[in-house]
């Protein structure tokens, strides 16, 4: 609980009591005496003419009325906290913070945007949280993050479009990715949907937009994908592809920037996906959030000018590496 937020003391004490479930622990956390804490809670109950705390058992718990009042107290605390941030965020962006939510895919596709942001605004603390897209939208609505980068097109008019401002950064094609040891590594011909159905896949779980996109493609073409491994980590997917014979579906930009991965187009093609920045339409938007949105627009227009970031070659998964090992009569440990 941030003590810098100016908040009525009885409500602050009630929040602490609900959090710690004990007068003793709550008093210790607030650095007050237990009698003082008990007196403040009692006065609050007298003002409201109702019992907020059930003191009859060994542990302290809130009554039904206390739970209802607590929800409103937390909402008020959030509003006051937003007010405090609005006052103390300096307009020249020499300090402040930005809370950013992104998915396992969008962090791979936009990390250079974040590098540009931290280079341009070194005094701003960037806090990133990785989560599924649905959770990003909820976190934005609840003011737990300032902006999100999602793996979808801007929302159509109506519905969520009334809640969020959106800015599409770019589109990226999707294709099958395999590693060096896969029999189809280096294949130039597109893979048919029936061939795709035979591939053992390692993919994100269904919480994530990319997986739902893959499932929709398979449903549209009346095939059942062979899912061998589900995960919530793109790192795991890439490493499993690099060292084994599994396949996956990834944006071309990711495949291009990872050594030991080979792209194979699908026929028919899987529809491309967009990378989009979303912010709340209503409520306070910090200078850091506004600066990030502006930089994201500039970055999306000039990202093709950036040198592609790729791991040094030959990497330990490349054919050149193994040729080197054979030439030197060194056999790498599998």
C-alpha atoms as a PDB file:
ATOM      1  CA  UNK A   1       0.000   0.000   0.000  1.00  0.00           C
ATOM      2  CA  UNK A   2       1.551   3.282  -1.145  1.00  0.00           C
ATOM      3  CA  UNK A   3       1.578   5.652   1.843  1.00  0.00           C
ATOM      4  CA  UNK A   4       2.200   8.652  -0.423  1.00  0.00           C
ATOM      5  CA  UNK A   5      -1.461   8.563  -1.510  1.00  0.00           C
ATOM      6  CA  UNK A   6      -3.524  10.946   0.634  1.00  0.00           C
ATOM      7  CA  UNK A   7      -6.394   8.777   1.875  1.00  0.00           C
ATOM      8  CA  UNK A   8      -8.767   8.945   4.864  1.00  0.00           C
ATOM      9  CA  UNK A   9      -7.069   7.122   7.709  1.00  0.00           C
ATOM     10  CA  UNK A  10     -10.031   4.883   8.704  1.00  0.00           C
ATOM     11  CA  UNK A  11     -10.330   3.631   5.106  1.00  0.00           C
ATOM     12  CA  UNK A  12      -6.588   3.025   4.930  1.00  0.00           C
ATOM     13  CA  UNK A  13      -6.831   1.015   8.138  1.00  0.00           C
ATOM     14  CA  UNK A  14      -9.759  -1.020   6.773  1.00  0.00           C
ATOM     15  CA  UNK A  15      -7.788  -1.864   3.611  1.00  0.00           C
ATOM     16  CA  UNK A  16      -4.832  -3.007   5.699  1.00  0.00           C
ATOM     17  CA  UNK A  17      -7.051  -5.091   7.980  1.00  0.00           C
ATOM     18  CA  UNK A  18      -8.610  -6.827   4.969  1.00  0.00           C
ATOM     19  CA  UNK A  19      -5.158  -7.476   3.504  1.00  0.00           C
ATOM     20  CA  UNK A  20      -3.513  -8.907   6.628  1.00  0.00           C
ATOM     21  CA  UNK A  21      -6.560 -10.510   8.324  1.00  0.00           C
ATOM     22  CA  UNK A  22      -5.286  -9.521  11.747  1.00  0.00           C
ATOM     23  CA  UNK A  23      -5.346  -6.355  13.871  1.00  0.00           C
ATOM     24  CA  UNK A  24      -1.829  -7.103  15.064  1.00  0.00           C
ATOM     25  CA  UNK A  25      -0.276  -7.602  11.618  1.00  0.00           C
ATOM     26  CA  UNK A  26      -2.206  -4.689  10.128  1.00  0.00           C
ATOM     27  CA  UNK A  27      -1.045  -2.388  12.936  1.00  0.00           C
ATOM     28  CA  UNK A  28       2.566  -3.482  12.408  1.00  0.00           C
ATOM     29  CA  UNK A  29       2.320  -2.814   8.683  1.00  0.00           C
ATOM     30  CA  UNK A  30       0.850   0.641   9.315  1.00  0.00           C
ATOM     31  CA  UNK A  31       3.335   1.416  12.125  1.00  0.00           C
ATOM     32  CA  UNK A  32       0.540   2.245  14.584  1.00  0.00           C
ATOM     33  CA  UNK A  33      -0.579   0.674  17.840  1.00  0.00           C
ATOM     34  CA  UNK A  34      -3.260  -1.978  17.802  1.00  0.00           C
ATOM     35  CA  UNK A  35      -5.627   0.031  20.084  1.00  0.00           C
ATOM     36  CA  UNK A  36      -5.348   2.997  17.703  1.00  0.00           C
ATOM     37  CA  UNK A  37      -6.197   0.783  14.730  1.00  0.00           C
ATOM     38  CA  UNK A  38      -9.151  -0.803  16.574  1.00  0.00           C
ATOM     39  CA  UNK A  39     -10.463   2.613  17.568  1.00  0.00           C
ATOM     40  CA  UNK A  40     -10.355   3.928  13.997  1.00  0.00           C
ATOM     41  CA  UNK A  41     -12.237   0.881  12.680  1.00  0.00           C
ATOM     42  CA  UNK A  42     -14.812   1.238  15.462  1.00  0.00           C
ATOM     43  CA  UNK A  43     -15.335   4.925  14.635  1.00  0.00           C
ATOM     44  CA  UNK A  44     -15.828   4.073  10.984  1.00  0.00           C
ATOM     45  CA  UNK A  45     -18.464   1.480  11.912  1.00  0.00           C
ATOM     46  CA  UNK A  46     -20.247   4.080  14.069  1.00  0.00           C
ATOM     47  CA  UNK A  47     -20.276   6.627  11.254  1.00  0.00           C
ATOM     48  CA  UNK A  48     -21.684   4.020   8.830  1.00  0.00           C
ATOM     49  CA  UNK A  49     -24.016   2.587  11.480  1.00  0.00           C
ATOM     50  CA  UNK A  50     -23.079  -0.994  10.589  1.00  0.00           C
ATOM     51  CA  UNK A  51     -20.592  -3.710  11.548  1.00  0.00           C
ATOM     52  CA  UNK A  52     -17.744  -4.017   9.052  1.00  0.00           C
ATOM     53  CA  UNK A  53     -15.528  -6.540  10.872  1.00  0.00           C
ATOM     54  CA  UNK A  54     -16.486  -9.909  12.353  1.00  0.00           C
ATOM     55  CA  UNK A  55     -14.443 -10.205  15.551  1.00  0.00           C
ATOM     56  CA  UNK A  56     -16.145 -13.353  16.909  1.00  0.00           C
ATOM     57  CA  UNK A  57     -13.712 -15.964  15.578  1.00  0.00           C
ATOM     58  CA  UNK A  58     -10.014 -16.602  15.988  1.00  0.00           C
ATOM     59  CA  UNK A  59      -9.333 -14.857  12.706  1.00  0.00           C
ATOM     60  CA  UNK A  60     -10.633 -11.489  11.614  1.00  0.00           C
ATOM     61  CA  UNK A  61     -12.848 -11.323   8.554  1.00  0.00           C
ATOM     62  CA  UNK A  62     -15.079  -8.701   7.012  1.00  0.00           C
ATOM     63  CA  UNK A  63     -18.862  -8.907   7.180  1.00  0.00           C
ATOM     64  CA  UNK A  64     -20.938  -8.775   4.013  1.00  0.00           C
ATOM     65  CA  UNK A  65     -21.327  -5.028   4.546  1.00  0.00           C
ATOM     66  CA  UNK A  66     -17.579  -4.766   5.080  1.00  0.00           C
ATOM     67  CA  UNK A  67     -16.849  -6.571   1.812  1.00  0.00           C
ATOM     68  CA  UNK A  68     -19.161  -4.245  -0.121  1.00  0.00           C
ATOM     69  CA  UNK A  69     -17.617  -1.163   1.471  1.00  0.00           C
ATOM     70  CA  UNK A  70     -14.114  -2.520   0.857  1.00  0.00           C
ATOM     71  CA  UNK A  71     -14.734  -2.730  -2.918  1.00  0.00           C
ATOM     72  CA  UNK A  72     -15.690   0.937  -2.990  1.00  0.00           C
ATOM     73  CA  UNK A  73     -12.717   1.882  -0.791  1.00  0.00           C
ATOM     74  CA  UNK A  74     -10.308   0.110  -3.161  1.00  0.00           C
ATOM     75  CA  UNK A  75     -11.855   1.881  -6.134  1.00  0.00           C
ATOM     76  CA  UNK A  76     -11.432   5.216  -4.367  1.00  0.00           C
ATOM     77  CA  UNK A  77      -7.815   4.346  -3.557  1.00  0.00           C
ATOM     78  CA  UNK A  78      -7.190   3.611  -7.229  1.00  0.00           C
ATOM     79  CA  UNK A  79      -8.661   6.957  -8.275  1.00  0.00           C
ATOM     80  CA  UNK A  80      -6.540   8.838  -5.744  1.00  0.00           C
ATOM     81  CA  UNK A  81      -3.452   6.906  -6.812  1.00  0.00           C
ATOM     82  CA  UNK A  82      -4.118   7.886 -10.437  1.00  0.00           C
ATOM     83  CA  UNK A  83      -4.429  11.494  -9.288  1.00  0.00           C
ATOM     84  CA  UNK A  84      -1.091  11.289  -7.501  1.00  0.00           C
ATOM     85  CA  UNK A  85       0.589   9.901 -10.622  1.00  0.00           C
ATOM     86  CA  UNK A  86      -0.965  12.657 -12.721  1.00  0.00           C
ATOM     87  CA  UNK A  87       0.505  15.335 -10.449  1.00  0.00           C
ATOM     88  CA  UNK A  88       3.982  13.859 -10.134  1.00  0.00           C
ATOM     89  CA  UNK A  89       4.569  12.708 -13.720  1.00  0.00           C
ATOM     90  CA  UNK A  90       6.786  15.426 -15.064  1.00  0.00           C
ATOM     91  CA  UNK A  91       5.878  16.854 -18.416  1.00  0.00           C
ATOM     92  CA  UNK A  92       9.442  16.862 -19.742  1.00  0.00           C
ATOM     93  CA  UNK A  93       9.649  13.042 -19.436  1.00  0.00           C
ATOM     94  CA  UNK A  94      12.820  13.179 -17.348  1.00  0.00           C
ATOM     95  CA  UNK A  95      11.162  10.724 -14.949  1.00  0.00           C
ATOM     96  CA  UNK A  96       8.011   8.661 -14.626  1.00  0.00           C
ATOM     97  CA  UNK A  97       6.957   5.145 -15.481  1.00  0.00           C
ATOM     98  CA  UNK A  98       5.150   3.182 -18.173  1.00  0.00           C
ATOM     99  CA  UNK A  99       3.333  -0.077 -17.489  1.00  0.00           C
ATOM    100  CA  UNK A 100       3.161  -2.112 -20.697  1.00  0.00           C
ATOM    101  CA  UNK A 101       1.342  -5.370 -21.314  1.00  0.00           C
ATOM    102  CA  UNK A 102       2.326  -7.568 -24.252  1.00  0.00           C
ATOM    103  CA  UNK A 103       1.917 -11.121 -25.456  1.00  0.00           C
ATOM    104  CA  UNK A 104       4.668 -13.740 -25.956  1.00  0.00           C
ATOM    105  CA  UNK A 105       4.548 -12.986 -29.693  1.00  0.00           C
ATOM    106  CA  UNK A 106       4.485  -9.192 -29.598  1.00  0.00           C
ATOM    107  CA  UNK A 107       7.490  -9.002 -27.267  1.00  0.00           C
ATOM    108  CA  UNK A 108       9.577 -10.738 -29.960  1.00  0.00           C
ATOM    109  CA  UNK A 109       8.227  -8.465 -32.695  1.00  0.00           C
ATOM    110  CA  UNK A 110       8.522  -5.108 -30.927  1.00  0.00           C
ATOM    111  CA  UNK A 111      11.536  -5.361 -28.619  1.00  0.00           C
ATOM    112  CA  UNK A 112      13.406  -2.856 -30.800  1.00  0.00           C
ATOM    113  CA  UNK A 113      10.571  -0.378 -30.186  1.00  0.00           C
ATOM    114  CA  UNK A 114      11.167  -0.729 -26.457  1.00  0.00           C
ATOM    115  CA  UNK A 115      14.912  -0.360 -26.948  1.00  0.00           C
ATOM    116  CA  UNK A 116      14.258   2.888 -28.849  1.00  0.00           C
ATOM    117  CA  UNK A 117      11.937   4.118 -26.097  1.00  0.00           C
ATOM    118  CA  UNK A 118      14.398   3.483 -23.251  1.00  0.00           C
ATOM    119  CA  UNK A 119      17.200   5.047 -25.270  1.00  0.00           C
ATOM    120  CA  UNK A 120      15.152   8.178 -25.935  1.00  0.00           C
ATOM    121  CA  UNK A 121      13.683   8.439 -22.406  1.00  0.00           C
ATOM    122  CA  UNK A 122      16.299   6.940 -20.037  1.00  0.00           C
ATOM    123  CA  UNK A 123      14.640   8.420 -16.949  1.00  0.00           C
ATOM    124  CA  UNK A 124      11.358   6.565 -17.473  1.00  0.00           C
ATOM    125  CA  UNK A 125      10.997   3.178 -15.790  1.00  0.00           C
ATOM    126  CA  UNK A 126       9.473   0.715 -18.266  1.00  0.00           C
ATOM    127  CA  UNK A 127       7.589  -2.120 -16.589  1.00  0.00           C
ATOM    128  CA  UNK A 128       6.591  -4.948 -18.950  1.00  0.00           C
ATOM    129  CA  UNK A 129       4.082  -7.662 -18.146  1.00  0.00           C
ATOM    130  CA  UNK A 130       3.606 -10.681 -20.428  1.00  0.00           C
ATOM    131  CA  UNK A 131       0.020 -11.950 -20.602  1.00  0.00           C
ATOM    132  CA  UNK A 132      -2.631 -13.233 -23.031  1.00  0.00           C
ATOM    133  CA  UNK A 133      -4.437 -10.590 -25.075  1.00  0.00           C
ATOM    134  CA  UNK A 134      -7.728 -10.939 -23.187  1.00  0.00           C
ATOM    135  CA  UNK A 135      -5.868 -10.246 -19.943  1.00  0.00           C
ATOM    136  CA  UNK A 136      -4.251  -7.155 -21.502  1.00  0.00           C
ATOM    137  CA  UNK A 137      -7.685  -5.720 -22.261  1.00  0.00           C
ATOM    138  CA  UNK A 138      -8.889  -6.426 -18.715  1.00  0.00           C
ATOM    139  CA  UNK A 139      -5.707  -4.942 -17.204  1.00  0.00           C
ATOM    140  CA  UNK A 140      -6.173  -1.782 -19.282  1.00  0.00           C
ATOM    141  CA  UNK A 141      -9.807  -1.445 -18.213  1.00  0.00           C
ATOM    142  CA  UNK A 142      -8.788  -1.849 -14.556  1.00  0.00           C
ATOM    143  CA  UNK A 143      -5.856   0.628 -14.920  1.00  0.00           C
ATOM    144  CA  UNK A 144      -3.243  -2.009 -14.047  1.00  0.00           C
ATOM    145  CA  UNK A 145      -1.298  -1.162 -17.217  1.00  0.00           C
ATOM    146  CA  UNK A 146      -1.014   2.020 -19.302  1.00  0.00           C
ATOM    147  CA  UNK A 147      -0.767   0.475 -22.776  1.00  0.00           C
ATOM    148  CA  UNK A 148      -0.761  -2.905 -24.468  1.00  0.00           C
ATOM    149  CA  UNK A 149       0.732  -4.424 -27.610  1.00  0.00           C
ATOM    150  CA  UNK A 150      -1.588  -7.088 -28.995  1.00  0.00           C
ATOM    151  CA  UNK A 151      -1.480  -9.573 -31.847  1.00  0.00           C
ATOM    152  CA  UNK A 152      -4.630  -8.495 -33.693  1.00  0.00           C
ATOM    153  CA  UNK A 153      -6.075  -5.821 -35.921  1.00  0.00           C
ATOM    154  CA  UNK A 154      -7.665  -2.679 -34.450  1.00  0.00           C
ATOM    155  CA  UNK A 155     -11.129  -3.359 -33.068  1.00  0.00           C
ATOM    156  CA  UNK A 156     -14.048  -2.682 -35.436  1.00  0.00           C
ATOM    157  CA  UNK A 157     -16.504   0.075 -34.579  1.00  0.00           C
ATOM    158  CA  UNK A 158     -18.713  -0.676 -31.606  1.00  0.00           C
ATOM    159  CA  UNK A 159     -18.045  -3.029 -28.705  1.00  0.00           C
ATOM    160  CA  UNK A 160     -14.455  -2.804 -27.499  1.00  0.00           C
ATOM    161  CA  UNK A 161     -13.695   0.031 -29.934  1.00  0.00           C
ATOM    162  CA  UNK A 162     -15.622   2.329 -27.587  1.00  0.00           C
ATOM    163  CA  UNK A 163     -13.249   1.419 -24.740  1.00  0.00           C
ATOM    164  CA  UNK A 164      -9.832   1.482 -26.427  1.00  0.00           C
ATOM    165  CA  UNK A 165      -7.801   3.653 -28.758  1.00  0.00           C
ATOM    166  CA  UNK A 166      -5.902   1.474 -31.224  1.00  0.00           C
ATOM    167  CA  UNK A 167      -2.978   2.032 -33.588  1.00  0.00           C
ATOM    168  CA  UNK A 168      -1.872  -0.734 -35.952  1.00  0.00           C
ATOM    169  CA  UNK A 169       1.929  -0.825 -36.165  1.00  0.00           C
ATOM    170  CA  UNK A 170       2.424  -3.391 -38.947  1.00  0.00           C
ATOM    171  CA  UNK A 171       1.231  -6.703 -40.352  1.00  0.00           C
ATOM    172  CA  UNK A 172       3.261  -9.897 -40.420  1.00  0.00           C
ATOM    173  CA  UNK A 173       2.746 -13.082 -42.394  1.00  0.00           C
ATOM    174  CA  UNK A 174       2.487 -16.464 -40.692  1.00  0.00           C
ATOM    175  CA  UNK A 175       4.125 -19.664 -41.893  1.00  0.00           C
ATOM    176  CA  UNK A 176       5.379 -23.021 -40.671  1.00  0.00           C
ATOM    177  CA  UNK A 177       8.787 -23.032 -38.963  1.00  0.00           C
ATOM    178  CA  UNK A 178      11.070 -26.086 -38.750  1.00  0.00           C
ATOM    179  CA  UNK A 179      14.615 -26.626 -37.517  1.00  0.00           C
ATOM    180  CA  UNK A 180      17.785 -27.891 -39.218  1.00  0.00           C
ATOM    181  CA  UNK A 181      17.154 -31.505 -38.234  1.00  0.00           C
ATOM    182  CA  UNK A 182      13.613 -31.542 -39.647  1.00  0.00           C
ATOM    183  CA  UNK A 183      13.301 -33.486 -42.958  1.00  0.00           C
ATOM    184  CA  UNK A 184      11.663 -30.451 -44.604  1.00  0.00           C
ATOM    185  CA  UNK A 185      14.344 -27.920 -43.597  1.00  0.00           C
ATOM    186  CA  UNK A 186      15.117 -25.734 -46.601  1.00  0.00           C
ATOM    187  CA  UNK A 187      11.993 -26.749 -48.535  1.00  0.00           C
ATOM    188  CA  UNK A 188      10.904 -24.002 -50.913  1.00  0.00           C
ATOM    189  CA  UNK A 189       7.579 -25.433 -52.045  1.00  0.00           C
ATOM    190  CA  UNK A 190       4.518 -24.514 -49.973  1.00  0.00           C
ATOM    191  CA  UNK A 191       3.145 -27.084 -47.545  1.00  0.00           C
ATOM    192  CA  UNK A 192      -0.422 -28.236 -48.190  1.00  0.00           C
ATOM    193  CA  UNK A 193      -2.975 -28.257 -45.393  1.00  0.00           C
ATOM    194  CA  UNK A 194      -2.993 -32.068 -45.451  1.00  0.00           C
ATOM    195  CA  UNK A 195       0.788 -32.153 -45.049  1.00  0.00           C
ATOM    196  CA  UNK A 196       0.450 -29.612 -42.248  1.00  0.00           C
ATOM    197  CA  UNK A 197      -2.033 -31.920 -40.540  1.00  0.00           C
ATOM    198  CA  UNK A 198       0.647 -34.636 -40.378  1.00  0.00           C
ATOM    199  CA  UNK A 199       3.234 -32.410 -38.658  1.00  0.00           C
ATOM    200  CA  UNK A 200       3.762 -32.773 -34.903  1.00  0.00           C
ATOM    201  CA  UNK A 201       3.405 -29.231 -33.577  1.00  0.00           C
ATOM    202  CA  UNK A 202       4.636 -27.323 -30.548  1.00  0.00           C
ATOM    203  CA  UNK A 203       2.360 -24.295 -30.075  1.00  0.00           C
ATOM    204  CA  UNK A 204       1.111 -21.765 -27.562  1.00  0.00           C
ATOM    205  CA  UNK A 205      -1.913 -22.798 -25.542  1.00  0.00           C
ATOM    206  CA  UNK A 206      -5.419 -21.597 -26.365  1.00  0.00           C
ATOM    207  CA  UNK A 207      -5.163 -18.574 -24.055  1.00  0.00           C
ATOM    208  CA  UNK A 208      -3.157 -16.830 -26.770  1.00  0.00           C
ATOM    209  CA  UNK A 209      -4.319 -15.168 -29.994  1.00  0.00           C
ATOM    210  CA  UNK A 210      -1.801 -16.980 -32.226  1.00  0.00           C
ATOM    211  CA  UNK A 211      -3.063 -20.399 -31.123  1.00  0.00           C
ATOM    212  CA  UNK A 212      -6.665 -19.387 -31.722  1.00  0.00           C
ATOM    213  CA  UNK A 213      -5.629 -18.134 -35.167  1.00  0.00           C
ATOM    214  CA  UNK A 214      -4.041 -21.521 -35.950  1.00  0.00           C
ATOM    215  CA  UNK A 215      -7.106 -23.388 -34.682  1.00  0.00           C
ATOM    216  CA  UNK A 216      -9.394 -21.197 -36.816  1.00  0.00           C
ATOM    217  CA  UNK A 217      -7.285 -21.896 -39.917  1.00  0.00           C
ATOM    218  CA  UNK A 218      -7.477 -25.636 -39.289  1.00  0.00           C
ATOM    219  CA  UNK A 219     -11.229 -25.467 -38.717  1.00  0.00           C
ATOM    220  CA  UNK A 220     -11.731 -23.448 -41.906  1.00  0.00           C
ATOM    221  CA  UNK A 221      -9.835 -26.113 -43.887  1.00  0.00           C
ATOM    222  CA  UNK A 222     -11.411 -29.074 -42.101  1.00  0.00           C
ATOM    223  CA  UNK A 223      -8.197 -30.510 -40.656  1.00  0.00           C
ATOM    224  CA  UNK A 224      -7.257 -31.601 -37.140  1.00  0.00           C
ATOM    225  CA  UNK A 225      -3.765 -30.386 -36.151  1.00  0.00           C
ATOM    226  CA  UNK A 226      -1.409 -32.818 -34.414  1.00  0.00           C
ATOM    227  CA  UNK A 227      -0.546 -30.897 -31.222  1.00  0.00           C
ATOM    228  CA  UNK A 228       2.417 -32.579 -29.528  1.00  0.00           C
ATOM    229  CA  UNK A 229       3.295 -29.842 -27.017  1.00  0.00           C
ATOM    230  CA  UNK A 230       1.394 -26.840 -25.642  1.00  0.00           C
ATOM    231  CA  UNK A 231       3.192 -24.066 -23.768  1.00  0.00           C
ATOM    232  CA  UNK A 232       2.877 -20.401 -22.799  1.00  0.00           C
ATOM    233  CA  UNK A 233       6.446 -19.558 -23.852  1.00  0.00           C
ATOM    234  CA  UNK A 234       7.698 -18.640 -27.330  1.00  0.00           C
ATOM    235  CA  UNK A 235      11.248 -19.263 -26.057  1.00  0.00           C
ATOM    236  CA  UNK A 236      10.377 -22.907 -25.421  1.00  0.00           C
ATOM    237  CA  UNK A 237       8.754 -23.223 -28.852  1.00  0.00           C
ATOM    238  CA  UNK A 238      11.821 -21.830 -30.629  1.00  0.00           C
ATOM    239  CA  UNK A 239      14.243 -24.009 -28.680  1.00  0.00           C
ATOM    240  CA  UNK A 240      12.150 -27.150 -29.272  1.00  0.00           C
ATOM    241  CA  UNK A 241      12.111 -26.413 -33.014  1.00  0.00           C
ATOM    242  CA  UNK A 242      15.845 -25.697 -33.121  1.00  0.00           C
ATOM    243  CA  UNK A 243      16.894 -28.966 -31.488  1.00  0.00           C
ATOM    244  CA  UNK A 244      14.237 -31.406 -32.697  1.00  0.00           C
ATOM    245  CA  UNK A 245      11.888 -32.442 -35.476  1.00  0.00           C
ATOM    246  CA  UNK A 246       8.755 -30.676 -34.332  1.00  0.00           C
ATOM    247  CA  UNK A 247       7.172 -27.832 -36.320  1.00  0.00           C
ATOM    248  CA  UNK A 248       5.250 -24.709 -35.349  1.00  0.00           C
ATOM    249  CA  UNK A 249       3.602 -21.609 -36.826  1.00  0.00           C
ATOM    250  CA  UNK A 250       5.266 -18.241 -36.220  1.00  0.00           C
ATOM    251  CA  UNK A 251       5.403 -14.774 -37.775  1.00  0.00           C
ATOM    252  CA  UNK A 252       8.014 -14.555 -40.534  1.00  0.00           C
ATOM    253  CA  UNK A 253       9.842 -11.764 -38.666  1.00  0.00           C
ATOM    254  CA  UNK A 254      10.555 -14.082 -35.756  1.00  0.00           C
ATOM    255  CA  UNK A 255      11.708 -16.945 -37.992  1.00  0.00           C
ATOM    256  CA  UNK A 256      13.952 -14.600 -39.942  1.00  0.00           C
ATOM    257  CA  UNK A 257      15.701 -13.363 -36.803  1.00  0.00           C
ATOM    258  CA  UNK A 258      16.357 -16.763 -35.221  1.00  0.00           C
ATOM    259  CA  UNK A 259      19.192 -18.989 -36.369  1.00  0.00           C
ATOM    260  CA  UNK A 260      18.411 -22.615 -37.062  1.00  0.00           C
ATOM    261  CA  UNK A 261      14.807 -21.936 -38.162  1.00  0.00           C
ATOM    262  CA  UNK A 262      13.464 -22.409 -41.695  1.00  0.00           C
ATOM    263  CA  UNK A 263      10.184 -20.922 -42.984  1.00  0.00           C
ATOM    264  CA  UNK A 264       7.769 -22.955 -45.099  1.00  0.00           C
ATOM    265  CA  UNK A 265       4.715 -21.253 -46.601  1.00  0.00           C
ATOM    266  CA  UNK A 266       1.292 -22.838 -46.311  1.00  0.00           C
ATOM    267  CA  UNK A 267      -1.068 -23.394 -49.238  1.00  0.00           C
ATOM    268  CA  UNK A 268      -3.569 -21.848 -48.870  1.00  0.00           C
ATOM    269  CA  UNK A 269      -1.731 -19.145 -46.926  1.00  0.00           C
ATOM    270  CA  UNK A 270      -2.597 -18.561 -43.298  1.00  0.00           C
ATOM    271  CA  UNK A 271      -4.041 -15.029 -42.966  1.00  0.00           C
ATOM    272  CA  UNK A 272      -1.518 -12.471 -41.728  1.00  0.00           C
ATOM    273  CA  UNK A 273      -1.810 -10.890 -38.292  1.00  0.00           C
ATOM    274  CA  UNK A 274      -1.427  -7.295 -37.166  1.00  0.00           C
ATOM    275  CA  UNK A 275       0.552  -5.904 -34.259  1.00  0.00           C
ATOM    276  CA  UNK A 276      -1.435  -3.140 -32.574  1.00  0.00           C
ATOM    277  CA  UNK A 277      -0.941  -0.728 -29.678  1.00  0.00           C
ATOM    278  CA  UNK A 278      -4.027  -0.233 -27.513  1.00  0.00           C
ATOM    279  CA  UNK A 279      -4.745   2.316 -24.759  1.00  0.00           C
ATOM    280  CA  UNK A 280      -7.836   3.257 -22.795  1.00  0.00           C
ATOM    281  CA  UNK A 281     -10.013   5.920 -24.409  1.00  0.00           C
ATOM    282  CA  UNK A 282     -11.103   7.383 -21.087  1.00  0.00           C
ATOM    283  CA  UNK A 283      -9.188   8.226 -17.953  1.00  0.00           C
ATOM    284  CA  UNK A 284      -5.784   9.678 -17.304  1.00  0.00           C
ATOM    285  CA  UNK A 285      -3.028   9.009 -19.829  1.00  0.00           C
ATOM    286  CA  UNK A 286       0.457   9.761 -18.503  1.00  0.00           C
ATOM    287  CA  UNK A 287       3.045  11.774 -20.451  1.00  0.00           C
ATOM    288  CA  UNK A 288       5.089   8.561 -20.743  1.00  0.00           C
ATOM    289  CA  UNK A 289       2.117   6.736 -22.267  1.00  0.00           C
ATOM    290  CA  UNK A 290       1.486   9.532 -24.754  1.00  0.00           C
ATOM    291  CA  UNK A 291       5.202   9.607 -25.673  1.00  0.00           C
ATOM    292  CA  UNK A 292       5.193   5.821 -26.180  1.00  0.00           C
ATOM    293  CA  UNK A 293       2.177   6.003 -28.507  1.00  0.00           C
ATOM    294  CA  UNK A 294       3.832   8.743 -30.570  1.00  0.00           C
ATOM    295  CA  UNK A 295       7.136   6.855 -30.770  1.00  0.00           C
ATOM    296  CA  UNK A 296       5.313   3.645 -31.724  1.00  0.00           C
ATOM    297  CA  UNK A 297       3.712   5.443 -34.675  1.00  0.00           C
ATOM    298  CA  UNK A 298       7.086   6.779 -35.815  1.00  0.00           C
ATOM    299  CA  UNK A 299       8.789   3.407 -35.300  1.00  0.00           C
ATOM    300  CA  UNK A 300       6.152   1.551 -37.322  1.00  0.00           C
ATOM    301  CA  UNK A 301       6.688   3.925 -40.244  1.00  0.00           C
ATOM    302  CA  UNK A 302      10.494   3.537 -40.170  1.00  0.00           C
ATOM    303  CA  UNK A 303      11.057  -0.005 -38.873  1.00  0.00           C
ATOM    304  CA  UNK A 304      12.046  -1.245 -42.335  1.00  0.00           C
ATOM    305  CA  UNK A 305      15.076   1.067 -42.132  1.00  0.00           C
ATOM    306  CA  UNK A 306      16.431  -0.739 -39.073  1.00  0.00           C
ATOM    307  CA  UNK A 307      19.202  -3.268 -39.538  1.00  0.00           C
ATOM    308  CA  UNK A 308      17.668  -6.721 -38.952  1.00  0.00           C
ATOM    309  CA  UNK A 309      18.778  -8.114 -35.625  1.00  0.00           C
ATOM    310  CA  UNK A 310      20.039 -11.659 -36.095  1.00  0.00           C
ATOM    311  CA  UNK A 311      22.207 -13.904 -34.006  1.00  0.00           C
ATOM    312  CA  UNK A 312      25.817 -14.273 -35.070  1.00  0.00           C
ATOM    313  CA  UNK A 313      26.472 -16.927 -37.683  1.00  0.00           C
ATOM    314  CA  UNK A 314      27.391 -19.645 -37.693  1.00  0.00           C
ATOM    315  CA  UNK A 315      25.300 -20.396 -34.646  1.00  0.00           C
ATOM    316  CA  UNK A 316      25.537 -23.815 -32.905  1.00  0.00           C
ATOM    317  CA  UNK A 317      22.442 -24.980 -34.786  1.00  0.00           C
ATOM    318  CA  UNK A 318      23.525 -24.041 -38.289  1.00  0.00           C
ATOM    319  CA  UNK A 319      24.888 -26.261 -41.046  1.00  0.00           C
ATOM    320  CA  UNK A 320      28.034 -24.090 -41.187  1.00  0.00           C
ATOM    321  CA  UNK A 321      28.683 -24.864 -37.524  1.00  0.00           C
ATOM    322  CA  UNK A 322      28.504 -28.609 -38.096  1.00  0.00           C
ATOM    323  CA  UNK A 323      30.697 -28.351 -41.186  1.00  0.00           C
ATOM    324  CA  UNK A 324      33.223 -26.519 -39.052  1.00  0.00           C
ATOM    325  CA  UNK A 325      33.083 -29.223 -36.396  1.00  0.00           C
ATOM    326  CA  UNK A 326      33.612 -31.967 -38.974  1.00  0.00           C
ATOM    327  CA  UNK A 327      36.532 -30.104 -40.552  1.00  0.00           C
ATOM    328  CA  UNK A 328      38.167 -29.798 -37.131  1.00  0.00           C
ATOM    329  CA  UNK A 329      37.290 -33.426 -36.307  1.00  0.00           C
ATOM    330  CA  UNK A 330      35.302 -32.269 -33.313  1.00  0.00           C
ATOM    331  CA  UNK A 331      32.006 -33.973 -32.631  1.00  0.00           C
ATOM    332  CA  UNK A 332      29.603 -31.768 -30.641  1.00  0.00           C
ATOM    333  CA  UNK A 333      27.911 -33.452 -27.728  1.00  0.00           C
ATOM    334  CA  UNK A 334      24.258 -34.025 -28.674  1.00  0.00           C
END
